[in-house]
Amino acid sequence: MEKTKVDINILGQDISVMCTEEEKSILLKSRDRIIDEAEKVRSQTKNVGHDYFLILLLLNIAGSEIKNKIKLDELETVESEIENINQRIIESIK
């Protein structure tokens, strides 16, 4: 796949990234996620240093990803239980 240069701005930093068209979509969504999380952190904190701000931002993003993983694991468990119940119903009908 051919890669093209994509220019983005995150937290006042201009960044150029080489990526495919598929990666570009992911890159732009990632940028938007970072900006959204940064706005949340800014609204919840007052006058913190840049490094501290970035740590809070990373903690928010990591925490969100962990919550999503926990929810996904729970859904997979429910799906497995439903499959087991369906299998028992099918076997009891036979």
C-alpha atoms as a PDB file:
ATOM      1  CA  MET A   1       0.000   0.000   0.000  1.00  0.00           C
ATOM      2  CA  GLU A   2       1.178   3.459  -0.795  1.00  0.00           C
ATOM      3  CA  LYS A   3       1.913   5.791   2.084  1.00  0.00           C
ATOM      4  CA  THR A   4       1.295   9.503   2.053  1.00  0.00           C
ATOM      5  CA  LYS A   5       2.301  12.263   4.426  1.00  0.00           C
ATOM      6  CA  VAL A   6      -0.391  13.401   6.840  1.00  0.00           C
ATOM      7  CA  ASP A   7       0.075  16.585   8.855  1.00  0.00           C
ATOM      8  CA  ILE A   8      -1.716  16.825  12.186  1.00  0.00           C
ATOM      9  CA  ASN A   9      -1.608  19.100  15.205  1.00  0.00           C
ATOM     10  CA  ILE A  10      -1.894  17.722  18.711  1.00  0.00           C
ATOM     11  CA  LEU A  11      -1.627  19.958  21.756  1.00  0.00           C
ATOM     12  CA  GLY A  12       0.057  22.685  19.743  1.00  0.00           C
ATOM     13  CA  GLN A  13       2.595  20.344  18.173  1.00  0.00           C
ATOM     14  CA  ASP A  14       2.664  19.934  14.409  1.00  0.00           C
ATOM     15  CA  ILE A  15       3.456  16.366  13.443  1.00  0.00           C
ATOM     16  CA  SER A  16       3.934  14.759  10.019  1.00  0.00           C
ATOM     17  CA  VAL A  17       3.266  11.043   9.748  1.00  0.00           C
ATOM     18  CA  MET A  18       3.636   8.715   6.766  1.00  0.00           C
ATOM     19  CA  CYS A  19       0.706   6.327   6.580  1.00  0.00           C
ATOM     20  CA  THR A  20      -1.623   4.416   4.296  1.00  0.00           C
ATOM     21  CA  GLU A  21      -5.172   5.588   3.673  1.00  0.00           C
ATOM     22  CA  GLU A  22      -6.471   3.039   6.205  1.00  0.00           C
ATOM     23  CA  GLU A  23      -3.915   4.159   8.796  1.00  0.00           C
ATOM     24  CA  LYS A  24      -4.833   7.792   8.125  1.00  0.00           C
ATOM     25  CA  SER A  25      -8.384   7.200   9.332  1.00  0.00           C
ATOM     26  CA  ILE A  26      -7.081   5.593  12.519  1.00  0.00           C
ATOM     27  CA  LEU A  27      -4.527   8.387  12.976  1.00  0.00           C
ATOM     28  CA  LEU A  28      -7.178  11.094  12.686  1.00  0.00           C
ATOM     29  CA  LYS A  29      -9.506   9.300  15.093  1.00  0.00           C
ATOM     30  CA  SER A  30      -6.588   8.910  17.516  1.00  0.00           C
ATOM     31  CA  ARG A  31      -5.817  12.625  17.239  1.00  0.00           C
ATOM     32  CA  ASP A  32      -9.448  13.474  17.942  1.00  0.00           C
ATOM     33  CA  ARG A  33      -9.468  11.142  20.961  1.00  0.00           C
ATOM     34  CA  ILE A  34      -6.332  12.758  22.373  1.00  0.00           C
ATOM     35  CA  ILE A  35      -7.779  16.234  21.880  1.00  0.00           C
ATOM     36  CA  ASP A  36     -11.070  15.240  23.540  1.00  0.00           C
ATOM     37  CA  GLU A  37      -9.261  13.703  26.513  1.00  0.00           C
ATOM     38  CA  ALA A  38      -6.964  16.738  26.777  1.00  0.00           C
ATOM     39  CA  GLU A  39      -9.988  19.036  26.967  1.00  0.00           C
ATOM     40  CA  LYS A  40     -11.437  16.879  29.767  1.00  0.00           C
ATOM     41  CA  VAL A  41      -8.171  17.039  31.719  1.00  0.00           C
ATOM     42  CA  ARG A  42      -7.920  20.806  31.207  1.00  0.00           C
ATOM     43  CA  SER A  43     -11.450  21.316  32.454  1.00  0.00           C
ATOM     44  CA  GLN A  44     -10.734  19.292  35.609  1.00  0.00           C
ATOM     45  CA  THR A  45      -7.336  20.774  36.531  1.00  0.00           C
ATOM     46  CA  LYS A  46      -5.964  24.216  37.220  1.00  0.00           C
ATOM     47  CA  ASN A  47      -2.476  25.509  36.438  1.00  0.00           C
ATOM     48  CA  VAL A  48      -0.568  22.238  36.247  1.00  0.00           C
ATOM     49  CA  GLY A  49       2.787  21.832  34.538  1.00  0.00           C
ATOM     50  CA  HIS A  50       3.057  20.399  31.044  1.00  0.00           C
ATOM     51  CA  ASP A  51       4.586  17.099  32.193  1.00  0.00           C
ATOM     52  CA  TYR A  52       1.944  16.614  34.882  1.00  0.00           C
ATOM     53  CA  PHE A  53      -0.771  17.449  32.349  1.00  0.00           C
ATOM     54  CA  LEU A  54       0.578  14.824  29.932  1.00  0.00           C
ATOM     55  CA  ILE A  55       0.698  12.208  32.691  1.00  0.00           C
ATOM     56  CA  LEU A  56      -2.935  12.923  33.593  1.00  0.00           C
ATOM     57  CA  LEU A  57      -3.864  12.734  29.913  1.00  0.00           C
ATOM     58  CA  LEU A  58      -2.140   9.378  29.500  1.00  0.00           C
ATOM     59  CA  LEU A  59      -3.759   8.028  32.664  1.00  0.00           C
ATOM     60  CA  ASN A  60      -7.210   9.041  31.376  1.00  0.00           C
ATOM     61  CA  ILE A  61      -6.639   7.378  28.004  1.00  0.00           C
ATOM     62  CA  ALA A  62      -5.164   4.213  29.560  1.00  0.00           C
ATOM     63  CA  GLY A  63      -7.982   4.044  32.109  1.00  0.00           C
ATOM     64  CA  SER A  64     -10.573   4.350  29.378  1.00  0.00           C
ATOM     65  CA  GLU A  65      -8.933   1.556  27.389  1.00  0.00           C
ATOM     66  CA  ILE A  66      -8.799  -0.687  30.457  1.00  0.00           C
ATOM     67  CA  LYS A  67     -12.498  -0.056  31.176  1.00  0.00           C
ATOM     68  CA  ASN A  68     -13.317  -0.954  27.564  1.00  0.00           C
ATOM     69  CA  LYS A  69     -11.257  -4.160  27.819  1.00  0.00           C
ATOM     70  CA  ILE A  70     -13.069  -5.145  31.027  1.00  0.00           C
ATOM     71  CA  LYS A  71     -16.448  -4.542  29.356  1.00  0.00           C
ATOM     72  CA  LEU A  72     -15.370  -6.560  26.313  1.00  0.00           C
ATOM     73  CA  ASP A  73     -14.232  -9.434  28.542  1.00  0.00           C
ATOM     74  CA  GLU A  74     -17.584  -9.346  30.354  1.00  0.00           C
ATOM     75  CA  LEU A  75     -19.464  -9.432  27.046  1.00  0.00           C
ATOM     76  CA  GLU A  76     -17.353 -12.362  25.855  1.00  0.00           C
ATOM     77  CA  THR A  77     -18.167 -14.217  29.080  1.00  0.00           C
ATOM     78  CA  VAL A  78     -21.898 -13.581  28.614  1.00  0.00           C
ATOM     79  CA  GLU A  79     -21.639 -14.683  24.983  1.00  0.00           C
ATOM     80  CA  SER A  80     -19.947 -17.908  26.050  1.00  0.00           C
ATOM     81  CA  GLU A  81     -22.613 -18.561  28.684  1.00  0.00           C
ATOM     82  CA  ILE A  82     -25.378 -17.980  26.135  1.00  0.00           C
ATOM     83  CA  GLU A  83     -23.693 -20.398  23.723  1.00  0.00           C
ATOM     84  CA  ASN A  84     -23.523 -23.020  26.497  1.00  0.00           C
ATOM     85  CA  ILE A  85     -27.210 -22.531  27.329  1.00  0.00           C
ATOM     86  CA  ASN A  86     -28.158 -22.784  23.643  1.00  0.00           C
ATOM     87  CA  GLN A  87     -26.118 -25.962  23.309  1.00  0.00           C
ATOM     88  CA  ARG A  88     -27.841 -27.516  26.356  1.00  0.00           C
ATOM     89  CA  ILE A  89     -31.269 -26.570  24.946  1.00  0.00           C
ATOM     90  CA  ILE A  90     -30.417 -28.135  21.598  1.00  0.00           C
ATOM     91  CA  GLU A  91     -29.200 -31.307  23.323  1.00  0.00           C
ATOM     92  CA  SER A  92     -32.301 -31.505  25.511  1.00  0.00           C
ATOM     93  CA  ILE A  93     -34.583 -31.191  22.467  1.00  0.00           C
ATOM     94  CA  LYS A  94     -32.934 -34.121  20.701  1.00  0.00           C
END
